[in-house]
């Protein structure tokens, strides 16, 4: 499984960014897809998760991003997106898309910088 993320950048507090991740896998629609982030000095944390057809339930979010971030997927284009609104300086970090299929599969990471 290959994952290719894009869409990071620099914004001011309160701004918005959309991250995208293309998954090069025929079984994409079946996979649960996640966005993680690595904030300097902290462990990598799960930001949002959206199930595929092998999973059940609704998308889930980390407490710190609930109500501000929205994860979505387009199975036709094999893309998972993360719409990030009302960004804060503490959202600054490297964001990774991830899926677990046989192994942990990670995208290359995309940098998000939120300035005050």
PDB file of N, CA and C in Angstrom:
ATOM      1  N   UNK A   1       0.850  -1.182   0.000  1.00  0.00           N
ATOM      2  CA  UNK A   1       0.000   0.000   0.000  1.00  0.00           C
ATOM      3  C   UNK A   1       0.886   1.231   0.000  1.00  0.00           C
ATOM      4  N   UNK A   2       0.676   2.086  -0.981  1.00  0.00           N
ATOM      5  CA  UNK A   2       1.439   3.332  -1.039  1.00  0.00           C
ATOM      6  C   UNK A   2       0.487   4.494  -0.786  1.00  0.00           C
ATOM      7  N   UNK A   3       0.945   5.418   0.045  1.00  0.00           N
ATOM      8  CA  UNK A   3       0.150   6.577   0.406  1.00  0.00           C
ATOM      9  C   UNK A   3       0.929   7.834   0.053  1.00  0.00           C
ATOM     10  N   UNK A   4       0.256   8.773  -0.573  1.00  0.00           N
ATOM     11  CA  UNK A   4       0.915  10.011  -0.980  1.00  0.00           C
ATOM     12  C   UNK A   4       0.085  11.189  -0.505  1.00  0.00           C
ATOM     13  N   UNK A   5       0.625  11.922   0.448  1.00  0.00           N
ATOM     14  CA  UNK A   5      -0.093  13.036   1.057  1.00  0.00           C
ATOM     15  C   UNK A   5       0.335  14.362   0.449  1.00  0.00           C
ATOM     16  N   UNK A   6      -0.579  15.307   0.501  1.00  0.00           N
ATOM     17  CA  UNK A   6      -0.285  16.650   0.007  1.00  0.00           C
ATOM     18  C   UNK A   6      -1.222  17.638   0.688  1.00  0.00           C
ATOM     19  N   UNK A   7      -0.941  18.917   0.497  1.00  0.00           N
ATOM     20  CA  UNK A   7      -1.866  19.942   0.962  1.00  0.00           C
ATOM     21  C   UNK A   7      -1.437  20.735   2.171  1.00  0.00           C
ATOM     22  N   UNK A   8      -0.305  20.406   2.753  1.00  0.00           N
ATOM     23  CA  UNK A   8       0.142  21.177   3.899  1.00  0.00           C
ATOM     24  C   UNK A   8       0.551  22.588   3.496  1.00  0.00           C
ATOM     25  N   UNK A   9       0.829  23.398   4.485  1.00  0.00           N
ATOM     26  CA  UNK A   9       1.242  24.763   4.216  1.00  0.00           C
ATOM     27  C   UNK A   9       1.241  25.598   5.468  1.00  0.00           C
ATOM     28  N   UNK A  10       1.320  26.898   5.273  1.00  0.00           N
ATOM     29  CA  UNK A  10       1.353  27.838   6.388  1.00  0.00           C
ATOM     30  C   UNK A  10       0.111  28.721   6.347  1.00  0.00           C
ATOM     31  N   UNK A  11      -0.527  28.852   7.503  1.00  0.00           N
ATOM     32  CA  UNK A  11      -1.700  29.710   7.615  1.00  0.00           C
ATOM     33  C   UNK A  11      -1.649  30.464   8.941  1.00  0.00           C
ATOM     34  N   UNK A  12      -2.475  31.455   9.048  1.00  0.00           N
ATOM     35  CA  UNK A  12      -2.597  32.167  10.318  1.00  0.00           C
ATOM     36  C   UNK A  12      -3.695  31.526  11.165  1.00  0.00           C
ATOM     37  N   UNK A  13      -3.658  31.832  12.433  1.00  0.00           N
ATOM     38  CA  UNK A  13      -4.676  31.332  13.353  1.00  0.00           C
ATOM     39  C   UNK A  13      -6.075  31.629  12.809  1.00  0.00           C
ATOM     40  N   UNK A  14      -6.922  30.623  12.856  1.00  0.00           N
ATOM     41  CA  UNK A  14      -8.275  30.778  12.352  1.00  0.00           C
ATOM     42  C   UNK A  14      -8.441  30.388  10.903  1.00  0.00           C
ATOM     43  N   UNK A  15      -7.340  30.148  10.237  1.00  0.00           N
ATOM     44  CA  UNK A  15      -7.388  29.785   8.833  1.00  0.00           C
ATOM     45  C   UNK A  15      -7.757  28.330   8.611  1.00  0.00           C
ATOM     46  N   UNK A  16      -7.769  27.946   7.340  1.00  0.00           N
ATOM     47  CA  UNK A  16      -8.161  26.595   6.951  1.00  0.00           C
ATOM     48  C   UNK A  16      -7.149  26.001   5.979  1.00  0.00           C
ATOM     49  N   UNK A  17      -7.052  24.694   6.039  1.00  0.00           N
ATOM     50  CA  UNK A  17      -6.255  23.929   5.079  1.00  0.00           C
ATOM     51  C   UNK A  17      -6.968  22.618   4.821  1.00  0.00           C
ATOM     52  N   UNK A  18      -6.748  22.071   3.648  1.00  0.00           N
ATOM     53  CA  UNK A  18      -7.250  20.739   3.335  1.00  0.00           C
ATOM     54  C   UNK A  18      -6.082  19.856   2.939  1.00  0.00           C
ATOM     55  N   UNK A  19      -5.951  18.748   3.634  1.00  0.00           N
ATOM     56  CA  UNK A  19      -4.945  17.754   3.302  1.00  0.00           C
ATOM     57  C   UNK A  19      -5.594  16.639   2.489  1.00  0.00           C
ATOM     58  N   UNK A  20      -4.829  16.100   1.569  1.00  0.00           N
ATOM     59  CA  UNK A  20      -5.315  14.982   0.762  1.00  0.00           C
ATOM     60  C   UNK A  20      -4.284  13.875   0.768  1.00  0.00           C
ATOM     61  N   UNK A  21      -4.774  12.657   0.639  1.00  0.00           N
ATOM     62  CA  UNK A  21      -3.887  11.498   0.593  1.00  0.00           C
ATOM     63  C   UNK A  21      -4.444  10.519  -0.432  1.00  0.00           C
ATOM     64  N   UNK A  22      -3.641  10.230  -1.416  1.00  0.00           N
ATOM     65  CA  UNK A  22      -4.023   9.255  -2.422  1.00  0.00           C
ATOM     66  C   UNK A  22      -3.450   7.904  -2.017  1.00  0.00           C
ATOM     67  N   UNK A  23      -4.284   6.906  -2.059  1.00  0.00           N
ATOM     68  CA  UNK A  23      -3.890   5.552  -1.674  1.00  0.00           C
ATOM     69  C   UNK A  23      -3.809   4.683  -2.910  1.00  0.00           C
ATOM     70  N   UNK A  24      -2.626   4.188  -3.193  1.00  0.00           N
ATOM     71  CA  UNK A  24      -2.429   3.356  -4.368  1.00  0.00           C
ATOM     72  C   UNK A  24      -2.649   1.896  -3.983  1.00  0.00           C
ATOM     73  N   UNK A  25      -3.901   1.550  -3.821  1.00  0.00           N
ATOM     74  CA  UNK A  25      -4.263   0.180  -3.461  1.00  0.00           C
ATOM     75  C   UNK A  25      -5.637  -0.133  -4.025  1.00  0.00           C
ATOM     76  N   UNK A  26      -5.758  -1.283  -4.646  1.00  0.00           N
ATOM     77  CA  UNK A  26      -7.034  -1.662  -5.255  1.00  0.00           C
ATOM     78  C   UNK A  26      -8.131  -1.843  -4.209  1.00  0.00           C
ATOM     79  N   UNK A  27      -7.718  -2.137  -2.973  1.00  0.00           N
ATOM     80  CA  UNK A  27      -8.696  -2.406  -1.918  1.00  0.00           C
ATOM     81  C   UNK A  27      -9.006  -1.173  -1.087  1.00  0.00           C
ATOM     82  N   UNK A  28      -8.680   0.004  -1.608  1.00  0.00           N
ATOM     83  CA  UNK A  28      -8.833   1.236  -0.823  1.00  0.00           C
ATOM     84  C   UNK A  28     -10.192   1.333  -0.154  1.00  0.00           C
ATOM     85  N   UNK A  29     -11.239   1.039  -0.892  1.00  0.00           N
ATOM     86  CA  UNK A  29     -12.588   1.242  -0.349  1.00  0.00           C
ATOM     87  C   UNK A  29     -12.836   0.407   0.904  1.00  0.00           C
ATOM     88  N   UNK A  30     -12.086  -0.643   1.091  1.00  0.00           N
ATOM     89  CA  UNK A  30     -12.283  -1.532   2.238  1.00  0.00           C
ATOM     90  C   UNK A  30     -11.523  -1.063   3.482  1.00  0.00           C
ATOM     91  N   UNK A  31     -10.544  -0.212   3.289  1.00  0.00           N
ATOM     92  CA  UNK A  31      -9.602   0.129   4.347  1.00  0.00           C
ATOM     93  C   UNK A  31     -10.070   1.282   5.223  1.00  0.00           C
ATOM     94  N   UNK A  32      -9.865   1.138   6.523  1.00  0.00           N
ATOM     95  CA  UNK A  32      -9.977   2.291   7.413  1.00  0.00           C
ATOM     96  C   UNK A  32      -8.779   3.197   7.176  1.00  0.00           C
ATOM     97  N   UNK A  33      -9.052   4.472   6.996  1.00  0.00           N
ATOM     98  CA  UNK A  33      -7.997   5.440   6.727  1.00  0.00           C
ATOM     99  C   UNK A  33      -7.914   6.435   7.870  1.00  0.00           C
ATOM    100  N   UNK A  34      -6.695   6.787   8.222  1.00  0.00           N
ATOM    101  CA  UNK A  34      -6.458   7.653   9.366  1.00  0.00           C
ATOM    102  C   UNK A  34      -5.574   8.831   8.983  1.00  0.00           C
ATOM    103  N   UNK A  35      -5.725   9.877   9.747  1.00  0.00           N
ATOM    104  CA  UNK A  35      -4.756  10.969   9.743  1.00  0.00           C
ATOM    105  C   UNK A  35      -4.158  11.050  11.146  1.00  0.00           C
ATOM    106  N   UNK A  36      -2.838  11.065  11.212  1.00  0.00           N
ATOM    107  CA  UNK A  36      -2.094  11.276  12.440  1.00  0.00           C
ATOM    108  C   UNK A  36      -1.313  12.579  12.307  1.00  0.00           C
ATOM    109  N   UNK A  37      -0.862  13.064  13.446  1.00  0.00           N
ATOM    110  CA  UNK A  37       0.051  14.201  13.393  1.00  0.00           C
ATOM    111  C   UNK A  37       1.150  14.042  14.427  1.00  0.00           C
ATOM    112  N   UNK A  38       2.272  14.608  14.083  1.00  0.00           N
ATOM    113  CA  UNK A  38       3.442  14.622  14.967  1.00  0.00           C
ATOM    114  C   UNK A  38       3.715  16.065  15.319  1.00  0.00           C
ATOM    115  N   UNK A  39       3.417  16.406  16.555  1.00  0.00           N
ATOM    116  CA  UNK A  39       3.691  17.756  17.031  1.00  0.00           C
ATOM    117  C   UNK A  39       5.044  17.740  17.729  1.00  0.00           C
ATOM    118  N   UNK A  40       5.882  18.757  17.499  1.00  0.00           N
ATOM    119  CA  UNK A  40       7.220  18.759  18.121  1.00  0.00           C
ATOM    120  C   UNK A  40       7.153  18.526  19.616  1.00  0.00           C
ATOM    121  N   UNK A  41       7.954  17.569  20.062  1.00  0.00           N
ATOM    122  CA  UNK A  41       8.027  17.276  21.486  1.00  0.00           C
ATOM    123  C   UNK A  41       6.955  16.345  21.994  1.00  0.00           C
ATOM    124  N   UNK A  42       6.093  15.889  21.105  1.00  0.00           N
ATOM    125  CA  UNK A  42       5.000  15.002  21.527  1.00  0.00           C
ATOM    126  C   UNK A  42       4.986  13.736  20.688  1.00  0.00           C
ATOM    127  N   UNK A  43       4.284  12.740  21.206  1.00  0.00           N
ATOM    128  CA  UNK A  43       4.133  11.501  20.447  1.00  0.00           C
ATOM    129  C   UNK A  43       3.155  11.710  19.297  1.00  0.00           C
ATOM    130  N   UNK A  44       3.314  10.881  18.290  1.00  0.00           N
ATOM    131  CA  UNK A  44       2.388  10.938  17.162  1.00  0.00           C
ATOM    132  C   UNK A  44       0.988  10.595  17.678  1.00  0.00           C
ATOM    133  N   UNK A  45       0.012  11.395  17.273  1.00  0.00           N
ATOM    134  CA  UNK A  45      -1.342  11.203  17.780  1.00  0.00           C
ATOM    135  C   UNK A  45      -2.334  11.036  16.633  1.00  0.00           C
ATOM    136  N   UNK A  46      -3.371  10.270  16.911  1.00  0.00           N
ATOM    137  CA  UNK A  46      -4.431  10.061  15.943  1.00  0.00           C
ATOM    138  C   UNK A  46      -5.334  11.293  15.909  1.00  0.00           C
ATOM    139  N   UNK A  47      -5.514  11.837  14.715  1.00  0.00           N
ATOM    140  CA  UNK A  47      -6.334  13.033  14.546  1.00  0.00           C
ATOM    141  C   UNK A  47      -7.754  12.651  14.135  1.00  0.00           C
ATOM    142  N   UNK A  48      -7.854  11.772  13.140  1.00  0.00           N
ATOM    143  CA  UNK A  48      -9.171  11.401  12.632  1.00  0.00           C
ATOM    144  C   UNK A  48      -9.074  10.062  11.926  1.00  0.00           C
ATOM    145  N   UNK A  49     -10.198   9.375  11.880  1.00  0.00           N
ATOM    146  CA  UNK A  49     -10.235   8.050  11.272  1.00  0.00           C
ATOM    147  C   UNK A  49     -11.582   7.870  10.584  1.00  0.00           C
ATOM    148  N   UNK A  50     -11.550   7.224   9.430  1.00  0.00           N
ATOM    149  CA  UNK A  50     -12.797   6.971   8.708  1.00  0.00           C
ATOM    150  C   UNK A  50     -12.799   5.524   8.243  1.00  0.00           C
ATOM    151  N   UNK A  51     -13.841   4.781   8.580  1.00  0.00           N
ATOM    152  CA  UNK A  51     -13.857   3.365   8.223  1.00  0.00           C
ATOM    153  C   UNK A  51     -14.084   3.153   6.731  1.00  0.00           C
ATOM    154  N   UNK A  52     -13.610   2.007   6.265  1.00  0.00           N
ATOM    155  CA  UNK A  52     -13.936   1.538   4.932  1.00  0.00           C
ATOM    156  C   UNK A  52     -14.987   0.456   5.033  1.00  0.00           C
ATOM    157  N   UNK A  53     -15.170  -0.262   3.950  1.00  0.00           N
ATOM    158  CA  UNK A  53     -16.233  -1.275   3.943  1.00  0.00           C
ATOM    159  C   UNK A  53     -15.925  -2.460   4.843  1.00  0.00           C
ATOM    160  N   UNK A  54     -14.673  -2.622   5.216  1.00  0.00           N
ATOM    161  CA  UNK A  54     -14.336  -3.664   6.195  1.00  0.00           C
ATOM    162  C   UNK A  54     -14.624  -3.226   7.624  1.00  0.00           C
ATOM    163  N   UNK A  55     -14.867  -1.973   7.816  1.00  0.00           N
ATOM    164  CA  UNK A  55     -15.133  -1.460   9.155  1.00  0.00           C
ATOM    165  C   UNK A  55     -16.573  -1.040   9.302  1.00  0.00           C
ATOM    166  N   UNK A  56     -16.860  -0.484  10.461  1.00  0.00           N
ATOM    167  CA  UNK A  56     -18.213  -0.008  10.734  1.00  0.00           C
ATOM    168  C   UNK A  56     -18.140   1.318  11.458  1.00  0.00           C
ATOM    169  N   UNK A  57     -19.259   1.996  11.488  1.00  0.00           N
ATOM    170  CA  UNK A  57     -19.370   3.200  12.296  1.00  0.00           C
ATOM    171  C   UNK A  57     -19.068   4.471  11.538  1.00  0.00           C
ATOM    172  N   UNK A  58     -19.073   5.535  12.281  1.00  0.00           N
ATOM    173  CA  UNK A  58     -18.869   6.871  11.742  1.00  0.00           C
ATOM    174  C   UNK A  58     -17.406   7.284  11.899  1.00  0.00           C
ATOM    175  N   UNK A  59     -17.003   8.313  11.207  1.00  0.00           N
ATOM    176  CA  UNK A  59     -15.661   8.847  11.443  1.00  0.00           C
ATOM    177  C   UNK A  59     -15.480   9.246  12.909  1.00  0.00           C
ATOM    178  N   UNK A  60     -14.272   9.123  13.372  1.00  0.00           N
ATOM    179  CA  UNK A  60     -13.951   9.515  14.738  1.00  0.00           C
ATOM    180  C   UNK A  60     -12.820  10.544  14.730  1.00  0.00           C
ATOM    181  N   UNK A  61     -12.775  11.324  15.799  1.00  0.00           N
ATOM    182  CA  UNK A  61     -11.830  12.439  15.878  1.00  0.00           C
ATOM    183  C   UNK A  61     -11.175  12.502  17.247  1.00  0.00           C
ATOM    184  N   UNK A  62      -9.942  13.003  17.263  1.00  0.00           N
ATOM    185  CA  UNK A  62      -9.312  13.298  18.530  1.00  0.00           C
ATOM    186  C   UNK A  62     -10.018  14.464  19.205  1.00  0.00           C
ATOM    187  N   UNK A  63      -9.973  14.472  20.513  1.00  0.00           N
ATOM    188  CA  UNK A  63     -10.698  15.496  21.273  1.00  0.00           C
ATOM    189  C   UNK A  63     -10.276  16.908  20.886  1.00  0.00           C
ATOM    190  N   UNK A  64      -9.011  17.084  20.583  1.00  0.00           N
ATOM    191  CA  UNK A  64      -8.501  18.433  20.325  1.00  0.00           C
ATOM    192  C   UNK A  64      -8.958  19.001  18.983  1.00  0.00           C
ATOM    193  N   UNK A  65      -9.495  18.162  18.105  1.00  0.00           N
ATOM    194  CA  UNK A  65      -9.883  18.638  16.770  1.00  0.00           C
ATOM    195  C   UNK A  65     -11.372  18.504  16.499  1.00  0.00           C
ATOM    196  N   UNK A  66     -12.105  17.917  17.428  1.00  0.00           N
ATOM    197  CA  UNK A  66     -13.547  17.738  17.226  1.00  0.00           C
ATOM    198  C   UNK A  66     -14.225  19.082  16.976  1.00  0.00           C
ATOM    199  N   UNK A  67     -15.067  19.073  15.962  1.00  0.00           N
ATOM    200  CA  UNK A  67     -15.795  20.286  15.628  1.00  0.00           C
ATOM    201  C   UNK A  67     -15.033  21.233  14.714  1.00  0.00           C
ATOM    202  N   UNK A  68     -13.750  20.952  14.504  1.00  0.00           N
ATOM    203  CA  UNK A  68     -12.935  21.823  13.636  1.00  0.00           C
ATOM    204  C   UNK A  68     -12.443  21.095  12.386  1.00  0.00           C
ATOM    205  N   UNK A  69     -12.169  19.813  12.524  1.00  0.00           N
ATOM    206  CA  UNK A  69     -11.629  19.022  11.418  1.00  0.00           C
ATOM    207  C   UNK A  69     -12.699  18.053  10.919  1.00  0.00           C
ATOM    208  N   UNK A  70     -12.651  17.779   9.627  1.00  0.00           N
ATOM    209  CA  UNK A  70     -13.564  16.811   9.031  1.00  0.00           C
ATOM    210  C   UNK A  70     -12.791  15.894   8.097  1.00  0.00           C
ATOM    211  N   UNK A  71     -12.919  14.602   8.338  1.00  0.00           N
ATOM    212  CA  UNK A  71     -12.284  13.619   7.463  1.00  0.00           C
ATOM    213  C   UNK A  71     -13.332  13.092   6.488  1.00  0.00           C
ATOM    214  N   UNK A  72     -12.901  12.863   5.256  1.00  0.00           N
ATOM    215  CA  UNK A  72     -13.809  12.327   4.248  1.00  0.00           C
ATOM    216  C   UNK A  72     -13.012  11.461   3.287  1.00  0.00           C
ATOM    217  N   UNK A  73     -13.734  10.697   2.485  1.00  0.00           N
ATOM    218  CA  UNK A  73     -13.055   9.833   1.528  1.00  0.00           C
ATOM    219  C   UNK A  73     -13.832   9.799   0.223  1.00  0.00           C
ATOM    220  N   UNK A  74     -13.099   9.582  -0.837  1.00  0.00           N
ATOM    221  CA  UNK A  74     -13.675   9.399  -2.165  1.00  0.00           C
ATOM    222  C   UNK A  74     -13.124   8.084  -2.693  1.00  0.00           C
ATOM    223  N   UNK A  75     -13.922   7.061  -2.642  1.00  0.00           N
ATOM    224  CA  UNK A  75     -13.426   5.743  -3.047  1.00  0.00           C
ATOM    225  C   UNK A  75     -13.138   5.666  -4.543  1.00  0.00           C
ATOM    226  N   UNK A  76     -13.789   6.504  -5.286  1.00  0.00           N
ATOM    227  CA  UNK A  76     -13.557   6.472  -6.733  1.00  0.00           C
ATOM    228  C   UNK A  76     -12.139   6.948  -7.070  1.00  0.00           C
ATOM    229  N   UNK A  77     -11.712   8.019  -6.399  1.00  0.00           N
ATOM    230  CA  UNK A  77     -10.368   8.535  -6.654  1.00  0.00           C
ATOM    231  C   UNK A  77      -9.347   8.002  -5.653  1.00  0.00           C
ATOM    232  N   UNK A  78      -9.799   7.123  -4.736  1.00  0.00           N
ATOM    233  CA  UNK A  78      -8.920   6.518  -3.723  1.00  0.00           C
ATOM    234  C   UNK A  78      -8.212   7.594  -2.915  1.00  0.00           C
ATOM    235  N   UNK A  79      -8.985   8.549  -2.476  1.00  0.00           N
ATOM    236  CA  UNK A  79      -8.429   9.688  -1.748  1.00  0.00           C
ATOM    237  C   UNK A  79      -9.137   9.863  -0.408  1.00  0.00           C
ATOM    238  N   UNK A  80      -8.345  10.131   0.606  1.00  0.00           N
ATOM    239  CA  UNK A  80      -8.888  10.530   1.901  1.00  0.00           C
ATOM    240  C   UNK A  80      -8.432  11.958   2.170  1.00  0.00           C
ATOM    241  N   UNK A  81      -9.341  12.770   2.654  1.00  0.00           N
ATOM    242  CA  UNK A  81      -9.057  14.187   2.856  1.00  0.00           C
ATOM    243  C   UNK A  81      -9.299  14.574   4.316  1.00  0.00           C
ATOM    244  N   UNK A  82      -8.632  15.636   4.722  1.00  0.00           N
ATOM    245  CA  UNK A  82      -8.830  16.189   6.052  1.00  0.00           C
ATOM    246  C   UNK A  82      -9.019  17.690   5.897  1.00  0.00           C
ATOM    247  N   UNK A  83     -10.233  18.136   6.096  1.00  0.00           N
ATOM    248  CA  UNK A  83     -10.539  19.557   6.067  1.00  0.00           C
ATOM    249  C   UNK A  83     -10.306  20.107   7.466  1.00  0.00           C
ATOM    250  N   UNK A  84      -9.428  21.090   7.567  1.00  0.00           N
ATOM    251  CA  UNK A  84      -9.050  21.641   8.862  1.00  0.00           C
ATOM    252  C   UNK A  84      -9.465  23.110   8.914  1.00  0.00           C
ATOM    253  N   UNK A  85     -10.371  23.419   9.794  1.00  0.00           N
ATOM    254  CA  UNK A  85     -10.856  24.784   9.970  1.00  0.00           C
ATOM    255  C   UNK A  85     -10.474  25.306  11.348  1.00  0.00           C
ATOM    256  N   UNK A  86     -10.584  26.602  11.510  1.00  0.00           N
ATOM    257  CA  UNK A  86     -10.293  27.248  12.805  1.00  0.00           C
ATOM    258  C   UNK A  86      -8.954  26.774  13.361  1.00  0.00           C
ATOM    259  N   UNK A  87      -7.955  26.797  12.521  1.00  0.00           N
ATOM    260  CA  UNK A  87      -6.644  26.276  12.920  1.00  0.00           C
ATOM    261  C   UNK A  87      -6.028  27.128  14.020  1.00  0.00           C
ATOM    262  N   UNK A  88      -5.294  26.439  14.867  1.00  0.00           N
ATOM    263  CA  UNK A  88      -4.630  27.062  16.018  1.00  0.00           C
ATOM    264  C   UNK A  88      -3.138  26.788  15.951  1.00  0.00           C
ATOM    265  N   UNK A  89      -2.336  27.591  16.611  1.00  0.00           N
ATOM    266  CA  UNK A  89      -0.887  27.337  16.611  1.00  0.00           C
ATOM    267  C   UNK A  89      -0.545  25.938  17.113  1.00  0.00           C
ATOM    268  N   UNK A  90      -1.328  25.406  18.033  1.00  0.00           N
ATOM    269  CA  UNK A  90      -1.042  24.064  18.562  1.00  0.00           C
ATOM    270  C   UNK A  90      -1.372  22.953  17.569  1.00  0.00           C
ATOM    271  N   UNK A  91      -1.943  23.291  16.419  1.00  0.00           N
ATOM    272  CA  UNK A  91      -2.149  22.313  15.356  1.00  0.00           C
ATOM    273  C   UNK A  91      -0.910  22.156  14.485  1.00  0.00           C
ATOM    274  N   UNK A  92       0.081  22.998  14.710  1.00  0.00           N
ATOM    275  CA  UNK A  92       1.322  22.932  13.936  1.00  0.00           C
ATOM    276  C   UNK A  92       1.987  21.578  14.113  1.00  0.00           C
ATOM    277  N   UNK A  93       2.379  20.985  13.002  1.00  0.00           N
ATOM    278  CA  UNK A  93       3.050  19.689  13.065  1.00  0.00           C
ATOM    279  C   UNK A  93       3.114  19.062  11.689  1.00  0.00           C
ATOM    280  N   UNK A  94       3.572  17.833  11.668  1.00  0.00           N
ATOM    281  CA  UNK A  94       3.610  17.062  10.424  1.00  0.00           C
ATOM    282  C   UNK A  94       2.454  16.077  10.463  1.00  0.00           C
ATOM    283  N   UNK A  95       1.675  16.083   9.409  1.00  0.00           N
ATOM    284  CA  UNK A  95       0.477  15.250   9.323  1.00  0.00           C
ATOM    285  C   UNK A  95       0.741  14.076   8.384  1.00  0.00           C
ATOM    286  N   UNK A  96       0.307  12.899   8.846  1.00  0.00           N
ATOM    287  CA  UNK A  96       0.551  11.678   8.097  1.00  0.00           C
ATOM    288  C   UNK A  96      -0.770  10.956   7.845  1.00  0.00           C
ATOM    289  N   UNK A  97      -0.941  10.455   6.641  1.00  0.00           N
ATOM    290  CA  UNK A  97      -2.049   9.531   6.436  1.00  0.00           C
ATOM    291  C   UNK A  97      -1.551   8.122   6.708  1.00  0.00           C
ATOM    292  N   UNK A  98      -2.461   7.272   7.098  1.00  0.00           N
ATOM    293  CA  UNK A  98      -2.096   5.934   7.576  1.00  0.00           C
ATOM    294  C   UNK A  98      -3.240   4.971   7.305  1.00  0.00           C
ATOM    295  N   UNK A  99      -2.868   3.733   7.036  1.00  0.00           N
ATOM    296  CA  UNK A  99      -3.817   2.646   7.039  1.00  0.00           C
ATOM    297  C   UNK A  99      -3.115   1.374   7.480  1.00  0.00           C
ATOM    298  N   UNK A 100      -3.845   0.528   8.154  1.00  0.00           N
ATOM    299  CA  UNK A 100      -3.273  -0.735   8.596  1.00  0.00           C
ATOM    300  C   UNK A 100      -3.823  -1.849   7.708  1.00  0.00           C
ATOM    301  N   UNK A 101      -2.953  -2.361   6.868  1.00  0.00           N
ATOM    302  CA  UNK A 101      -3.272  -3.505   6.034  1.00  0.00           C
ATOM    303  C   UNK A 101      -2.034  -4.369   5.972  1.00  0.00           C
ATOM    304  N   UNK A 102      -2.054  -5.467   6.643  1.00  0.00           N
ATOM    305  CA  UNK A 102      -0.911  -6.359   6.842  1.00  0.00           C
ATOM    306  C   UNK A 102       0.129  -5.685   7.738  1.00  0.00           C
ATOM    307  N   UNK A 103       0.493  -4.481   7.389  1.00  0.00           N
ATOM    308  CA  UNK A 103       1.437  -3.703   8.201  1.00  0.00           C
ATOM    309  C   UNK A 103       0.858  -2.308   8.400  1.00  0.00           C
ATOM    310  N   UNK A 104       1.565  -1.526   9.192  1.00  0.00           N
ATOM    311  CA  UNK A 104       1.239  -0.107   9.253  1.00  0.00           C
ATOM    312  C   UNK A 104       1.806   0.549   8.001  1.00  0.00           C
ATOM    313  N   UNK A 105       0.968   1.268   7.290  1.00  0.00           N
ATOM    314  CA  UNK A 105       1.371   1.936   6.067  1.00  0.00           C
ATOM    315  C   UNK A 105       1.219   3.439   6.255  1.00  0.00           C
ATOM    316  N   UNK A 106       2.302   4.176   6.021  1.00  0.00           N
ATOM    317  CA  UNK A 106       2.335   5.611   6.278  1.00  0.00           C
ATOM    318  C   UNK A 106       2.651   6.376   4.998  1.00  0.00           C
ATOM    319  N   UNK A 107       2.005   7.510   4.849  1.00  0.00           N
ATOM    320  CA  UNK A 107       2.401   8.464   3.838  1.00  0.00           C
ATOM    321  C   UNK A 107       3.646   9.206   4.279  1.00  0.00           C
ATOM    322  N   UNK A 108       4.137  10.065   3.439  1.00  0.00           N
ATOM    323  CA  UNK A 108       5.426  10.708   3.689  1.00  0.00           C
ATOM    324  C   UNK A 108       5.326  11.890   4.643  1.00  0.00           C
ATOM    325  N   UNK A 109       4.126  12.310   4.996  1.00  0.00           N
ATOM    326  CA  UNK A 109       3.987  13.448   5.911  1.00  0.00           C
ATOM    327  C   UNK A 109       3.927  14.762   5.165  1.00  0.00           C
ATOM    328  N   UNK A 110       3.086  15.634   5.667  1.00  0.00           N
ATOM    329  CA  UNK A 110       2.981  16.971   5.086  1.00  0.00           C
ATOM    330  C   UNK A 110       2.940  17.980   6.229  1.00  0.00           C
ATOM    331  N   UNK A 111       3.718  19.041   6.097  1.00  0.00           N
ATOM    332  CA  UNK A 111       3.902  20.014   7.167  1.00  0.00           C
ATOM    333  C   UNK A 111       2.758  21.019   7.212  1.00  0.00           C
ATOM    334  N   UNK A 112       2.245  21.238   8.417  1.00  0.00           N
ATOM    335  CA  UNK A 112       1.247  22.280   8.660  1.00  0.00           C
ATOM    336  C   UNK A 112       1.818  23.242   9.687  1.00  0.00           C
ATOM    337  N   UNK A 113       1.821  24.516   9.347  1.00  0.00           N
ATOM    338  CA  UNK A 113       2.315  25.551  10.248  1.00  0.00           C
ATOM    339  C   UNK A 113       1.222  26.588  10.449  1.00  0.00           C
ATOM    340  N   UNK A 114       0.849  26.789  11.697  1.00  0.00           N
ATOM    341  CA  UNK A 114      -0.173  27.775  12.025  1.00  0.00           C
ATOM    342  C   UNK A 114       0.474  28.855  12.878  1.00  0.00           C
ATOM    343  N   UNK A 115       0.473  30.061  12.372  1.00  0.00           N
ATOM    344  CA  UNK A 115       1.119  31.157  13.092  1.00  0.00           C
ATOM    345  C   UNK A 115       0.074  32.019  13.804  1.00  0.00           C
ATOM    346  N   UNK A 116       0.497  32.577  14.910  1.00  0.00           N
ATOM    347  CA  UNK A 116      -0.431  33.398  15.699  1.00  0.00           C
ATOM    348  C   UNK A 116      -0.413  34.842  15.250  1.00  0.00           C
TER     349      UNK A 116
END
